[in-house]
Amino acid sequence: QVQLVESGGGLVQAGDSLRLSCVASGRTFMNYAMGWFRQAPGKEREFVASISRTGGDTNYLNTVKGRFTISRDNAKNTVDLQMVSLRPEDTAVYSCAVSTSGVYLPRWVSEFAYWGQGTQVTVSS
């Protein structure tokens, strides 16, 4: 049974930082790219960042480049998302995901097979 559990969300003010963590279990996740998505109320799920199997390459949504950093620790089966200079428009439920598609740096929902339940991030102005 594959399980992804996120943590680290919360209510912060604009300009603050948060670090989200995702712990994976049930498979050898070092074989797969991983990513973070977000979904705001009334909006579609949106790609935020992805990271290659070894962690050597990353991919970001343009609006978070320079503010968010994705990283992974394959020994611990974790993937983190460090977020700085948060903005109210970053408010959403953030979910981590595992891609078994074989795509090196996936960014489409259809390329990810396993999803966590998500953690709420709320940024007040």
PDB file of N, CA and C in Angstrom:
ATOM      1  N   GLN A   1       0.848  -1.186   0.000  1.00  0.00           N
ATOM      2  CA  GLN A   1       0.000   0.000   0.000  1.00  0.00           C
ATOM      3  C   GLN A   1       0.890   1.245   0.000  1.00  0.00           C
ATOM      4  N   VAL A   2       0.754   2.060  -1.036  1.00  0.00           N
ATOM      5  CA  VAL A   2       1.526   3.298  -1.129  1.00  0.00           C
ATOM      6  C   VAL A   2       0.860   4.361  -0.275  1.00  0.00           C
ATOM      7  N   GLN A   3       1.651   5.060   0.486  1.00  0.00           N
ATOM      8  CA  GLN A   3       1.115   6.130   1.329  1.00  0.00           C
ATOM      9  C   GLN A   3       2.032   7.341   1.283  1.00  0.00           C
ATOM     10  N   LEU A   4       1.425   8.514   1.111  1.00  0.00           N
ATOM     11  CA  LEU A   4       2.145   9.787   1.141  1.00  0.00           C
ATOM     12  C   LEU A   4       1.482  10.658   2.195  1.00  0.00           C
ATOM     13  N   VAL A   5       2.274  11.170   3.113  1.00  0.00           N
ATOM     14  CA  VAL A   5       1.733  11.992   4.195  1.00  0.00           C
ATOM     15  C   VAL A   5       2.476  13.314   4.237  1.00  0.00           C
ATOM     16  N   GLU A   6       1.716  14.403   4.052  1.00  0.00           N
ATOM     17  CA  GLU A   6       2.299  15.739   4.077  1.00  0.00           C
ATOM     18  C   GLU A   6       2.153  16.369   5.459  1.00  0.00           C
ATOM     19  N   SER A   7       3.046  17.302   5.733  1.00  0.00           N
ATOM     20  CA  SER A   7       2.969  18.081   6.968  1.00  0.00           C
ATOM     21  C   SER A   7       3.631  19.430   6.739  1.00  0.00           C
ATOM     22  N   GLY A   8       3.402  20.350   7.677  1.00  0.00           N
ATOM     23  CA  GLY A   8       4.091  21.629   7.629  1.00  0.00           C
ATOM     24  C   GLY A   8       3.255  22.805   7.190  1.00  0.00           C
ATOM     25  N   GLY A   9       2.006  22.566   6.798  1.00  0.00           N
ATOM     26  CA  GLY A   9       1.167  23.682   6.388  1.00  0.00           C
ATOM     27  C   GLY A   9       0.762  24.534   7.579  1.00  0.00           C
ATOM     28  N   GLY A  10       0.124  25.664   7.276  1.00  0.00           N
ATOM     29  CA  GLY A  10      -0.326  26.533   8.347  1.00  0.00           C
ATOM     30  C   GLY A  10      -0.792  27.868   7.838  1.00  0.00           C
ATOM     31  N   LEU A  11      -1.069  28.762   8.789  1.00  0.00           N
ATOM     32  CA  LEU A  11      -1.511  30.125   8.485  1.00  0.00           C
ATOM     33  C   LEU A  11      -0.339  31.069   8.738  1.00  0.00           C
ATOM     34  N   VAL A  12       0.057  31.797   7.711  1.00  0.00           N
ATOM     35  CA  VAL A  12       1.176  32.727   7.830  1.00  0.00           C
ATOM     36  C   VAL A  12       0.801  34.052   7.185  1.00  0.00           C
ATOM     37  N   GLN A  13       1.641  35.043   7.384  1.00  0.00           N
ATOM     38  CA  GLN A  13       1.430  36.343   6.756  1.00  0.00           C
ATOM     39  C   GLN A  13       2.256  36.444   5.478  1.00  0.00           C
ATOM     40  N   ALA A  14       1.844  37.333   4.614  1.00  0.00           N
ATOM     41  CA  ALA A  14       2.586  37.572   3.378  1.00  0.00           C
ATOM     42  C   ALA A  14       4.039  37.915   3.712  1.00  0.00           C
ATOM     43  N   GLY A  15       4.942  37.296   2.966  1.00  0.00           N
ATOM     44  CA  GLY A  15       6.362  37.504   3.201  1.00  0.00           C
ATOM     45  C   GLY A  15       7.006  36.462   4.097  1.00  0.00           C
ATOM     46  N   ASP A  16       6.186  35.676   4.776  1.00  0.00           N
ATOM     47  CA  ASP A  16       6.704  34.636   5.672  1.00  0.00           C
ATOM     48  C   ASP A  16       7.161  33.409   4.884  1.00  0.00           C
ATOM     49  N   SER A  17       7.714  32.452   5.624  1.00  0.00           N
ATOM     50  CA  SER A  17       8.205  31.206   5.026  1.00  0.00           C
ATOM     51  C   SER A  17       7.524  30.008   5.666  1.00  0.00           C
ATOM     52  N   LEU A  18       7.472  28.920   4.917  1.00  0.00           N
ATOM     53  CA  LEU A  18       6.991  27.639   5.418  1.00  0.00           C
ATOM     54  C   LEU A  18       7.799  26.542   4.738  1.00  0.00           C
ATOM     55  N   ARG A  19       7.930  25.423   5.433  1.00  0.00           N
ATOM     56  CA  ARG A  19       8.575  24.252   4.845  1.00  0.00           C
ATOM     57  C   ARG A  19       7.604  23.086   4.929  1.00  0.00           C
ATOM     58  N   LEU A  20       7.217  22.574   3.785  1.00  0.00           N
ATOM     59  CA  LEU A  20       6.346  21.404   3.718  1.00  0.00           C
ATOM     60  C   LEU A  20       7.196  20.144   3.572  1.00  0.00           C
ATOM     61  N   SER A  21       6.750  19.078   4.211  1.00  0.00           N
ATOM     62  CA  SER A  21       7.432  17.802   4.104  1.00  0.00           C
ATOM     63  C   SER A  21       6.444  16.723   3.707  1.00  0.00           C
ATOM     64  N   CYS A  22       6.934  15.731   2.992  1.00  0.00           N
ATOM     65  CA  CYS A  22       6.119  14.596   2.575  1.00  0.00           C
ATOM     66  C   CYS A  22       6.925  13.329   2.804  1.00  0.00           C
ATOM     67  N   VAL A  23       6.345  12.414   3.557  1.00  0.00           N
ATOM     68  CA  VAL A  23       6.985  11.128   3.815  1.00  0.00           C
ATOM     69  C   VAL A  23       6.265  10.064   3.005  1.00  0.00           C
ATOM     70  N   ALA A  24       7.027   9.285   2.258  1.00  0.00           N
ATOM     71  CA  ALA A  24       6.456   8.244   1.402  1.00  0.00           C
ATOM     72  C   ALA A  24       6.775   6.864   1.951  1.00  0.00           C
ATOM     73  N   SER A  25       5.848   5.942   1.754  1.00  0.00           N
ATOM     74  CA  SER A  25       6.083   4.561   2.181  1.00  0.00           C
ATOM     75  C   SER A  25       5.385   3.615   1.219  1.00  0.00           C
ATOM     76  N   GLY A  26       5.868   2.387   1.184  1.00  0.00           N
ATOM     77  CA  GLY A  26       5.208   1.367   0.383  1.00  0.00           C
ATOM     78  C   GLY A  26       5.922   0.997  -0.898  1.00  0.00           C
ATOM     79  N   ARG A  27       6.843   1.842  -1.357  1.00  0.00           N
ATOM     80  CA  ARG A  27       7.606   1.523  -2.565  1.00  0.00           C
ATOM     81  C   ARG A  27       9.012   2.092  -2.429  1.00  0.00           C
ATOM     82  N   THR A  28       9.861   1.744  -3.385  1.00  0.00           N
ATOM     83  CA  THR A  28      11.208   2.298  -3.425  1.00  0.00           C
ATOM     84  C   THR A  28      11.157   3.591  -4.213  1.00  0.00           C
ATOM     85  N   PHE A  29      10.943   4.696  -3.534  1.00  0.00           N
ATOM     86  CA  PHE A  29      10.680   5.956  -4.202  1.00  0.00           C
ATOM     87  C   PHE A  29      11.902   6.574  -4.841  1.00  0.00           C
ATOM     88  N   MET A  30      13.069   6.077  -4.552  1.00  0.00           N
ATOM     89  CA  MET A  30      14.245   6.615  -5.227  1.00  0.00           C
ATOM     90  C   MET A  30      14.213   6.301  -6.716  1.00  0.00           C
ATOM     91  N   ASN A  31      13.336   5.403  -7.138  1.00  0.00           N
ATOM     92  CA  ASN A  31      13.227   5.066  -8.549  1.00  0.00           C
ATOM     93  C   ASN A  31      12.307   6.008  -9.322  1.00  0.00           C
ATOM     94  N   TYR A  32      11.675   6.958  -8.646  1.00  0.00           N
ATOM     95  CA  TYR A  32      10.637   7.770  -9.263  1.00  0.00           C
ATOM     96  C   TYR A  32      10.838   9.258  -9.025  1.00  0.00           C
ATOM     97  N   ALA A  33      10.450  10.025 -10.026  1.00  0.00           N
ATOM     98  CA  ALA A  33      10.369  11.469  -9.831  1.00  0.00           C
ATOM     99  C   ALA A  33       9.204  11.773  -8.889  1.00  0.00           C
ATOM    100  N   MET A  34       9.311  12.905  -8.204  1.00  0.00           N
ATOM    101  CA  MET A  34       8.265  13.306  -7.271  1.00  0.00           C
ATOM    102  C   MET A  34       7.925  14.768  -7.491  1.00  0.00           C
ATOM    103  N   GLY A  35       6.786  15.171  -6.979  1.00  0.00           N
ATOM    104  CA  GLY A  35       6.386  16.551  -7.212  1.00  0.00           C
ATOM    105  C   GLY A  35       5.441  17.075  -6.161  1.00  0.00           C
ATOM    106  N   TRP A  36       5.213  18.376  -6.253  1.00  0.00           N
ATOM    107  CA  TRP A  36       4.232  19.064  -5.411  1.00  0.00           C
ATOM    108  C   TRP A  36       3.231  19.780  -6.322  1.00  0.00           C
ATOM    109  N   PHE A  37       1.972  19.684  -5.943  1.00  0.00           N
ATOM    110  CA  PHE A  37       0.886  20.386  -6.602  1.00  0.00           C
ATOM    111  C   PHE A  37       0.113  21.173  -5.562  1.00  0.00           C
ATOM    112  N   ARG A  38      -0.733  22.086  -6.038  1.00  0.00           N
ATOM    113  CA  ARG A  38      -1.605  22.818  -5.128  1.00  0.00           C
ATOM    114  C   ARG A  38      -2.961  23.030  -5.779  1.00  0.00           C
ATOM    115  N   GLN A  39      -3.947  23.190  -4.913  1.00  0.00           N
ATOM    116  CA  GLN A  39      -5.296  23.441  -5.400  1.00  0.00           C
ATOM    117  C   GLN A  39      -5.972  24.455  -4.506  1.00  0.00           C
ATOM    118  N   ALA A  40      -6.318  25.575  -5.098  1.00  0.00           N
ATOM    119  CA  ALA A  40      -7.034  26.632  -4.386  1.00  0.00           C
ATOM    120  C   ALA A  40      -8.528  26.406  -4.556  1.00  0.00           C
ATOM    121  N   PRO A  41      -9.345  26.944  -3.665  1.00  0.00           N
ATOM    122  CA  PRO A  41     -10.797  26.754  -3.777  1.00  0.00           C
ATOM    123  C   PRO A  41     -11.327  27.224  -5.118  1.00  0.00           C
ATOM    124  N   GLY A  42     -12.104  26.377  -5.764  1.00  0.00           N
ATOM    125  CA  GLY A  42     -12.716  26.740  -7.033  1.00  0.00           C
ATOM    126  C   GLY A  42     -11.787  26.692  -8.229  1.00  0.00           C
ATOM    127  N   LYS A  43     -10.553  26.219  -8.003  1.00  0.00           N
ATOM    128  CA  LYS A  43      -9.585  26.173  -9.107  1.00  0.00           C
ATOM    129  C   LYS A  43      -9.107  24.744  -9.342  1.00  0.00           C
ATOM    130  N   GLU A  44      -8.512  24.548 -10.508  1.00  0.00           N
ATOM    131  CA  GLU A  44      -7.976  23.231 -10.840  1.00  0.00           C
ATOM    132  C   GLU A  44      -6.648  23.008 -10.097  1.00  0.00           C
ATOM    133  N   ARG A  45      -6.323  21.743  -9.947  1.00  0.00           N
ATOM    134  CA  ARG A  45      -5.035  21.388  -9.354  1.00  0.00           C
ATOM    135  C   ARG A  45      -3.915  21.936 -10.235  1.00  0.00           C
ATOM    136  N   GLU A  46      -2.899  22.523  -9.605  1.00  0.00           N
ATOM    137  CA  GLU A  46      -1.850  23.229 -10.331  1.00  0.00           C
ATOM    138  C   GLU A  46      -0.480  22.665  -9.972  1.00  0.00           C
ATOM    139  N   PHE A  47       0.341  22.432 -10.982  1.00  0.00           N
ATOM    140  CA  PHE A  47       1.717  21.992 -10.767  1.00  0.00           C
ATOM    141  C   PHE A  47       2.502  23.088 -10.057  1.00  0.00           C
ATOM    142  N   VAL A  48       3.315  22.701  -9.082  1.00  0.00           N
ATOM    143  CA  VAL A  48       4.168  23.654  -8.373  1.00  0.00           C
ATOM    144  C   VAL A  48       5.644  23.358  -8.645  1.00  0.00           C
ATOM    145  N   ALA A  49       6.043  22.108  -8.448  1.00  0.00           N
ATOM    146  CA  ALA A  49       7.462  21.757  -8.621  1.00  0.00           C
ATOM    147  C   ALA A  49       7.599  20.249  -8.748  1.00  0.00           C
ATOM    148  N   SER A  50       8.657  19.831  -9.427  1.00  0.00           N
ATOM    149  CA  SER A  50       8.993  18.411  -9.477  1.00  0.00           C
ATOM    150  C   SER A  50      10.498  18.243  -9.366  1.00  0.00           C
ATOM    151  N   ILE A  51      10.893  17.034  -9.014  1.00  0.00           N
ATOM    152  CA  ILE A  51      12.302  16.738  -8.805  1.00  0.00           C
ATOM    153  C   ILE A  51      12.599  15.369  -9.378  1.00  0.00           C
ATOM    154  N   SER A  52      13.753  15.238 -10.020  1.00  0.00           N
ATOM    155  CA  SER A  52      14.129  13.981 -10.648  1.00  0.00           C
ATOM    156  C   SER A  52      14.452  12.907  -9.611  1.00  0.00           C
ATOM    157  N   ARG A  53      14.633  11.688 -10.074  1.00  0.00           N
ATOM    158  CA  ARG A  53      14.837  10.556  -9.164  1.00  0.00           C
ATOM    159  C   ARG A  53      15.998  10.767  -8.208  1.00  0.00           C
ATOM    160  N   THR A  54      17.086  11.295  -8.720  1.00  0.00           N
ATOM    161  CA  THR A  54      18.266  11.482  -7.868  1.00  0.00           C
ATOM    162  C   THR A  54      18.282  12.825  -7.160  1.00  0.00           C
ATOM    163  N   GLY A  55      17.366  13.705  -7.549  1.00  0.00           N
ATOM    164  CA  GLY A  55      17.355  15.048  -6.971  1.00  0.00           C
ATOM    165  C   GLY A  55      18.254  16.026  -7.698  1.00  0.00           C
ATOM    166  N   GLY A  56      18.868  15.595  -8.784  1.00  0.00           N
ATOM    167  CA  GLY A  56      19.808  16.446  -9.479  1.00  0.00           C
ATOM    168  C   GLY A  56      19.181  17.531 -10.334  1.00  0.00           C
ATOM    169  N   ASP A  57      17.918  17.348 -10.684  1.00  0.00           N
ATOM    170  CA  ASP A  57      17.238  18.346 -11.512  1.00  0.00           C
ATOM    171  C   ASP A  57      15.871  18.657 -10.935  1.00  0.00           C
ATOM    172  N   THR A  58      15.450  19.894 -11.157  1.00  0.00           N
ATOM    173  CA  THR A  58      14.157  20.339 -10.644  1.00  0.00           C
ATOM    174  C   THR A  58      13.431  21.158 -11.696  1.00  0.00           C
ATOM    175  N   ASN A  59      12.138  21.324 -11.493  1.00  0.00           N
ATOM    176  CA  ASN A  59      11.288  22.056 -12.425  1.00  0.00           C
ATOM    177  C   ASN A  59      10.261  22.804 -11.594  1.00  0.00           C
ATOM    178  N   TYR A  60       9.969  24.066 -11.962  1.00  0.00           N
ATOM    179  CA  TYR A  60       9.060  24.882 -11.154  1.00  0.00           C
ATOM    180  C   TYR A  60       8.027  25.603 -11.992  1.00  0.00           C
ATOM    181  N   LEU A  61       6.894  25.853 -11.391  1.00  0.00           N
ATOM    182  CA  LEU A  61       5.921  26.793 -11.918  1.00  0.00           C
ATOM    183  C   LEU A  61       6.582  28.159 -11.958  1.00  0.00           C
ATOM    184  N   ASN A  62       6.356  28.906 -13.033  1.00  0.00           N
ATOM    185  CA  ASN A  62       7.056  30.181 -13.192  1.00  0.00           C
ATOM    186  C   ASN A  62       6.848  31.130 -12.013  1.00  0.00           C
ATOM    187  N   THR A  63       5.641  31.158 -11.483  1.00  0.00           N
ATOM    188  CA  THR A  63       5.340  32.138 -10.433  1.00  0.00           C
ATOM    189  C   THR A  63       5.964  31.793  -9.080  1.00  0.00           C
ATOM    190  N   VAL A  64       6.543  30.607  -8.948  1.00  0.00           N
ATOM    191  CA  VAL A  64       7.191  30.261  -7.685  1.00  0.00           C
ATOM    192  C   VAL A  64       8.711  30.171  -7.820  1.00  0.00           C
ATOM    193  N   LYS A  65       9.208  30.290  -9.033  1.00  0.00           N
ATOM    194  CA  LYS A  65      10.661  30.233  -9.241  1.00  0.00           C
ATOM    195  C   LYS A  65      11.351  31.306  -8.422  1.00  0.00           C
ATOM    196  N   GLY A  66      12.423  30.922  -7.746  1.00  0.00           N
ATOM    197  CA  GLY A  66      13.157  31.861  -6.922  1.00  0.00           C
ATOM    198  C   GLY A  66      12.595  32.006  -5.523  1.00  0.00           C
ATOM    199  N   ARG A  67      11.392  31.489  -5.288  1.00  0.00           N
ATOM    200  CA  ARG A  67      10.780  31.554  -3.955  1.00  0.00           C
ATOM    201  C   ARG A  67      10.627  30.167  -3.332  1.00  0.00           C
ATOM    202  N   PHE A  68      10.377  29.168  -4.145  1.00  0.00           N
ATOM    203  CA  PHE A  68      10.172  27.802  -3.659  1.00  0.00           C
ATOM    204  C   PHE A  68      11.354  26.935  -4.071  1.00  0.00           C
ATOM    205  N   THR A  69      11.696  25.989  -3.203  1.00  0.00           N
ATOM    206  CA  THR A  69      12.761  25.041  -3.496  1.00  0.00           C
ATOM    207  C   THR A  69      12.306  23.634  -3.123  1.00  0.00           C
ATOM    208  N   ILE A  70      12.343  22.730  -4.093  1.00  0.00           N
ATOM    209  CA  ILE A  70      11.994  21.344  -3.840  1.00  0.00           C
ATOM    210  C   ILE A  70      13.278  20.550  -3.616  1.00  0.00           C
ATOM    211  N   SER A  71      13.224  19.624  -2.676  1.00  0.00           N
ATOM    212  CA  SER A  71      14.388  18.777  -2.402  1.00  0.00           C
ATOM    213  C   SER A  71      13.894  17.405  -1.956  1.00  0.00           C
ATOM    214  N   ARG A  72      14.785  16.433  -1.985  1.00  0.00           N
ATOM    215  CA  ARG A  72      14.395  15.086  -1.570  1.00  0.00           C
ATOM    216  C   ARG A  72      15.547  14.411  -0.848  1.00  0.00           C
ATOM    217  N   ASP A  73      15.182  13.467   0.006  1.00  0.00           N
ATOM    218  CA  ASP A  73      16.154  12.635   0.706  1.00  0.00           C
ATOM    219  C   ASP A  73      15.737  11.192   0.460  1.00  0.00           C
ATOM    220  N   ASN A  74      16.395  10.523  -0.472  1.00  0.00           N
ATOM    221  CA  ASN A  74      15.982   9.169  -0.838  1.00  0.00           C
ATOM    222  C   ASN A  74      16.224   8.160   0.289  1.00  0.00           C
ATOM    223  N   ALA A  75      17.161   8.442   1.154  1.00  0.00           N
ATOM    224  CA  ALA A  75      17.405   7.539   2.279  1.00  0.00           C
ATOM    225  C   ALA A  75      16.240   7.551   3.257  1.00  0.00           C
ATOM    226  N   LYS A  76      15.542   8.679   3.316  1.00  0.00           N
ATOM    227  CA  LYS A  76      14.408   8.823   4.250  1.00  0.00           C
ATOM    228  C   LYS A  76      13.065   8.779   3.537  1.00  0.00           C
ATOM    229  N   ASN A  77      13.081   8.648   2.218  1.00  0.00           N
ATOM    230  CA  ASN A  77      11.837   8.641   1.435  1.00  0.00           C
ATOM    231  C   ASN A  77      11.020   9.915   1.673  1.00  0.00           C
ATOM    232  N   THR A  78      11.691  11.042   1.653  1.00  0.00           N
ATOM    233  CA  THR A  78      10.994  12.304   1.873  1.00  0.00           C
ATOM    234  C   THR A  78      11.225  13.265   0.720  1.00  0.00           C
ATOM    235  N   VAL A  79      10.265  14.145   0.510  1.00  0.00           N
ATOM    236  CA  VAL A  79      10.406  15.244  -0.432  1.00  0.00           C
ATOM    237  C   VAL A  79       9.870  16.482   0.264  1.00  0.00           C
ATOM    238  N   ASP A  80      10.643  17.557   0.236  1.00  0.00           N
ATOM    239  CA  ASP A  80      10.280  18.789   0.918  1.00  0.00           C
ATOM    240  C   ASP A  80      10.045  19.924  -0.073  1.00  0.00           C
ATOM    241  N   LEU A  81       9.305  20.921   0.392  1.00  0.00           N
ATOM    242  CA  LEU A  81       9.099  22.138  -0.391  1.00  0.00           C
ATOM    243  C   LEU A  81       9.320  23.313   0.540  1.00  0.00           C
ATOM    244  N   GLN A  82      10.446  23.985   0.349  1.00  0.00           N
ATOM    245  CA  GLN A  82      10.747  25.192   1.129  1.00  0.00           C
ATOM    246  C   GLN A  82      10.144  26.377   0.401  1.00  0.00           C
ATOM    247  N   MET A  83       9.326  27.148   1.104  1.00  0.00           N
ATOM    248  CA  MET A  83       8.631  28.274   0.496  1.00  0.00           C
ATOM    249  C   MET A  83       8.985  29.544   1.261  1.00  0.00           C
ATOM    250  N   VAL A  84       9.477  30.534   0.547  1.00  0.00           N
ATOM    251  CA  VAL A  84       9.795  31.833   1.155  1.00  0.00           C
ATOM    252  C   VAL A  84       9.042  32.918   0.407  1.00  0.00           C
ATOM    253  N   SER A  85       8.998  34.093   1.016  1.00  0.00           N
ATOM    254  CA  SER A  85       8.310  35.241   0.408  1.00  0.00           C
ATOM    255  C   SER A  85       6.907  34.857  -0.052  1.00  0.00           C
ATOM    256  N   LEU A  86       6.175  34.217   0.835  1.00  0.00           N
ATOM    257  CA  LEU A  86       4.841  33.747   0.474  1.00  0.00           C
ATOM    258  C   LEU A  86       3.901  34.906   0.179  1.00  0.00           C
ATOM    259  N   ARG A  87       2.976  34.647  -0.736  1.00  0.00           N
ATOM    260  CA  ARG A  87       2.002  35.641  -1.173  1.00  0.00           C
ATOM    261  C   ARG A  87       0.596  35.099  -0.927  1.00  0.00           C
ATOM    262  N   PRO A  88      -0.385  35.982  -0.808  1.00  0.00           N
ATOM    263  CA  PRO A  88      -1.761  35.500  -0.624  1.00  0.00           C
ATOM    264  C   PRO A  88      -2.203  34.548  -1.740  1.00  0.00           C
ATOM    265  N   GLU A  89      -1.720  34.764  -2.945  1.00  0.00           N
ATOM    266  CA  GLU A  89      -2.111  33.885  -4.061  1.00  0.00           C
ATOM    267  C   GLU A  89      -1.489  32.493  -3.972  1.00  0.00           C
ATOM    268  N   ASP A  90      -0.596  32.268  -3.007  1.00  0.00           N
ATOM    269  CA  ASP A  90      -0.057  30.931  -2.774  1.00  0.00           C
ATOM    270  C   ASP A  90      -0.987  30.090  -1.900  1.00  0.00           C
ATOM    271  N   THR A  91      -2.039  30.699  -1.393  1.00  0.00           N
ATOM    272  CA  THR A  91      -2.985  29.977  -0.546  1.00  0.00           C
ATOM    273  C   THR A  91      -3.629  28.827  -1.310  1.00  0.00           C
ATOM    274  N   ALA A  92      -3.525  27.626  -0.744  1.00  0.00           N
ATOM    275  CA  ALA A  92      -4.050  26.419  -1.399  1.00  0.00           C
ATOM    276  C   ALA A  92      -3.803  25.213  -0.512  1.00  0.00           C
ATOM    277  N   VAL A  93      -4.372  24.108  -0.911  1.00  0.00           N
ATOM    278  CA  VAL A  93      -4.001  22.815  -0.332  1.00  0.00           C
ATOM    279  C   VAL A  93      -2.851  22.263  -1.174  1.00  0.00           C
ATOM    280  N   TYR A  94      -1.754  21.952  -0.517  1.00  0.00           N
ATOM    281  CA  TYR A  94      -0.563  21.460  -1.206  1.00  0.00           C
ATOM    282  C   TYR A  94      -0.452  19.956  -1.018  1.00  0.00           C
ATOM    283  N   SER A  95      -0.225  19.252  -2.134  1.00  0.00           N
ATOM    284  CA  SER A  95      -0.134  17.797  -2.102  1.00  0.00           C
ATOM    285  C   SER A  95       1.154  17.333  -2.769  1.00  0.00           C
ATOM    286  N   CYS A  96       1.742  16.304  -2.201  1.00  0.00           N
ATOM    287  CA  CYS A  96       2.892  15.704  -2.870  1.00  0.00           C
ATOM    288  C   CYS A  96       2.415  14.508  -3.695  1.00  0.00           C
ATOM    289  N   ALA A  97       3.228  14.129  -4.663  1.00  0.00           N
ATOM    290  CA  ALA A  97       2.828  13.065  -5.578  1.00  0.00           C
ATOM    291  C   ALA A  97       4.056  12.328  -6.102  1.00  0.00           C
ATOM    292  N   VAL A  98       3.836  11.100  -6.504  1.00  0.00           N
ATOM    293  CA  VAL A  98       4.893  10.255  -7.056  1.00  0.00           C
ATOM    294  C   VAL A  98       4.554   9.913  -8.496  1.00  0.00           C
ATOM    295  N   SER A  99       5.536  10.070  -9.360  1.00  0.00           N
ATOM    296  CA  SER A  99       5.329   9.767 -10.768  1.00  0.00           C
ATOM    297  C   SER A  99       5.976   8.438 -11.128  1.00  0.00           C
ATOM    298  N   THR A 100       5.186   7.502 -11.637  1.00  0.00           N
ATOM    299  CA  THR A 100       5.707   6.235 -12.133  1.00  0.00           C
ATOM    300  C   THR A 100       5.695   6.208 -13.656  1.00  0.00           C
ATOM    301  N   SER A 101       5.512   7.388 -14.275  1.00  0.00           N
ATOM    302  CA  SER A 101       5.372   7.481 -15.732  1.00  0.00           C
ATOM    303  C   SER A 101       6.682   7.278 -16.475  1.00  0.00           C
ATOM    304  N   GLY A 102       7.805   7.480 -15.777  1.00  0.00           N
ATOM    305  CA  GLY A 102       9.087   7.413 -16.451  1.00  0.00           C
ATOM    306  C   GLY A 102       9.548   8.756 -17.010  1.00  0.00           C
ATOM    307  N   VAL A 103       8.690   9.762 -16.949  1.00  0.00           N
ATOM    308  CA  VAL A 103       9.073  11.091 -17.408  1.00  0.00           C
ATOM    309  C   VAL A 103      10.116  11.662 -16.444  1.00  0.00           C
ATOM    310  N   TYR A 104      11.178  12.247 -16.982  1.00  0.00           N
ATOM    311  CA  TYR A 104      12.298  12.678 -16.147  1.00  0.00           C
ATOM    312  C   TYR A 104      11.903  13.768 -15.151  1.00  0.00           C
ATOM    313  N   LEU A 105      11.206  14.793 -15.631  1.00  0.00           N
ATOM    314  CA  LEU A 105      10.715  15.878 -14.774  1.00  0.00           C
ATOM    315  C   LEU A 105       9.246  16.114 -15.106  1.00  0.00           C
ATOM    316  N   PRO A 106       8.381  15.304 -14.555  1.00  0.00           N
ATOM    317  CA  PRO A 106       6.957  15.424 -14.883  1.00  0.00           C
ATOM    318  C   PRO A 106       6.364  16.707 -14.324  1.00  0.00           C
ATOM    319  N   ARG A 107       5.280  17.166 -14.965  1.00  0.00           N
ATOM    320  CA  ARG A 107       4.575  18.346 -14.468  1.00  0.00           C
ATOM    321  C   ARG A 107       3.073  18.279 -14.700  1.00  0.00           C
ATOM    322  N   TRP A 108       2.611  17.212 -15.330  1.00  0.00           N
ATOM    323  CA  TRP A 108       1.189  17.079 -15.580  1.00  0.00           C
ATOM    324  C   TRP A 108       0.560  16.106 -14.597  1.00  0.00           C
ATOM    325  N   VAL A 109      -0.664  16.410 -14.193  1.00  0.00           N
ATOM    326  CA  VAL A 109      -1.364  15.561 -13.232  1.00  0.00           C
ATOM    327  C   VAL A 109      -1.380  14.105 -13.701  1.00  0.00           C
ATOM    328  N   SER A 110      -1.587  13.895 -14.978  1.00  0.00           N
ATOM    329  CA  SER A 110      -1.699  12.538 -15.528  1.00  0.00           C
ATOM    330  C   SER A 110      -0.398  11.748 -15.425  1.00  0.00           C
ATOM    331  N   GLU A 111       0.700  12.423 -15.162  1.00  0.00           N
ATOM    332  CA  GLU A 111       2.002  11.748 -15.068  1.00  0.00           C
ATOM    333  C   GLU A 111       2.289  11.246 -13.654  1.00  0.00           C
ATOM    334  N   PHE A 112       1.395  11.540 -12.740  1.00  0.00           N
ATOM    335  CA  PHE A 112       1.594  11.144 -11.342  1.00  0.00           C
ATOM    336  C   PHE A 112       0.567  10.091 -10.940  1.00  0.00           C
ATOM    337  N   ALA A 113       1.042   9.057 -10.244  1.00  0.00           N
ATOM    338  CA  ALA A 113       0.168   7.927  -9.931  1.00  0.00           C
ATOM    339  C   ALA A 113      -0.323   7.919  -8.494  1.00  0.00           C
ATOM    340  N   TYR A 114       0.478   8.462  -7.594  1.00  0.00           N
ATOM    341  CA  TYR A 114       0.127   8.400  -6.173  1.00  0.00           C
ATOM    342  C   TYR A 114       0.134   9.811  -5.588  1.00  0.00           C
ATOM    343  N   TRP A 115      -0.845  10.045  -4.723  1.00  0.00           N
ATOM    344  CA  TRP A 115      -1.054  11.378  -4.163  1.00  0.00           C
ATOM    345  C   TRP A 115      -1.258  11.324  -2.657  1.00  0.00           C
ATOM    346  N   GLY A 116      -0.786  12.368  -1.994  1.00  0.00           N
ATOM    347  CA  GLY A 116      -1.093  12.514  -0.579  1.00  0.00           C
ATOM    348  C   GLY A 116      -2.415  13.234  -0.398  1.00  0.00           C
ATOM    349  N   GLN A 117      -2.845  13.349   0.850  1.00  0.00           N
ATOM    350  CA  GLN A 117      -4.130  13.990   1.161  1.00  0.00           C
ATOM    351  C   GLN A 117      -4.020  15.505   1.121  1.00  0.00           C
ATOM    352  N   GLY A 118      -2.831  16.019   1.315  1.00  0.00           N
ATOM    353  CA  GLY A 118      -2.637  17.455   1.234  1.00  0.00           C
ATOM    354  C   GLY A 118      -2.533  18.127   2.586  1.00  0.00           C
ATOM    355  N   THR A 119      -1.928  19.316   2.575  1.00  0.00           N
ATOM    356  CA  THR A 119      -1.811  20.144   3.766  1.00  0.00           C
ATOM    357  C   THR A 119      -2.155  21.580   3.380  1.00  0.00           C
ATOM    358  N   GLN A 120      -2.928  22.235   4.227  1.00  0.00           N
ATOM    359  CA  GLN A 120      -3.431  23.580   3.911  1.00  0.00           C
ATOM    360  C   GLN A 120      -2.359  24.636   4.188  1.00  0.00           C
ATOM    361  N   VAL A 121      -2.170  25.500   3.213  1.00  0.00           N
ATOM    362  CA  VAL A 121      -1.319  26.677   3.376  1.00  0.00           C
ATOM    363  C   VAL A 121      -2.192  27.902   3.147  1.00  0.00           C
ATOM    364  N   THR A 122      -2.248  28.773   4.137  1.00  0.00           N
ATOM    365  CA  THR A 122      -3.034  29.992   4.035  1.00  0.00           C
ATOM    366  C   THR A 122      -2.119  31.184   4.301  1.00  0.00           C
ATOM    367  N   VAL A 123      -2.087  32.110   3.338  1.00  0.00           N
ATOM    368  CA  VAL A 123      -1.231  33.285   3.446  1.00  0.00           C
ATOM    369  C   VAL A 123      -2.124  34.513   3.518  1.00  0.00           C
ATOM    370  N   SER A 124      -2.044  35.222   4.623  1.00  0.00           N
ATOM    371  CA  SER A 124      -2.867  36.412   4.780  1.00  0.00           C
ATOM    372  C   SER A 124      -2.093  37.643   4.334  1.00  0.00           C
ATOM    373  N   SER A 125      -2.832  38.643   3.882  1.00  0.00           N
ATOM    374  CA  SER A 125      -2.187  39.871   3.379  1.00  0.00           C
ATOM    375  C   SER A 125      -1.984  40.880   4.484  1.00  0.00           C
TER     376      SER A 125
END
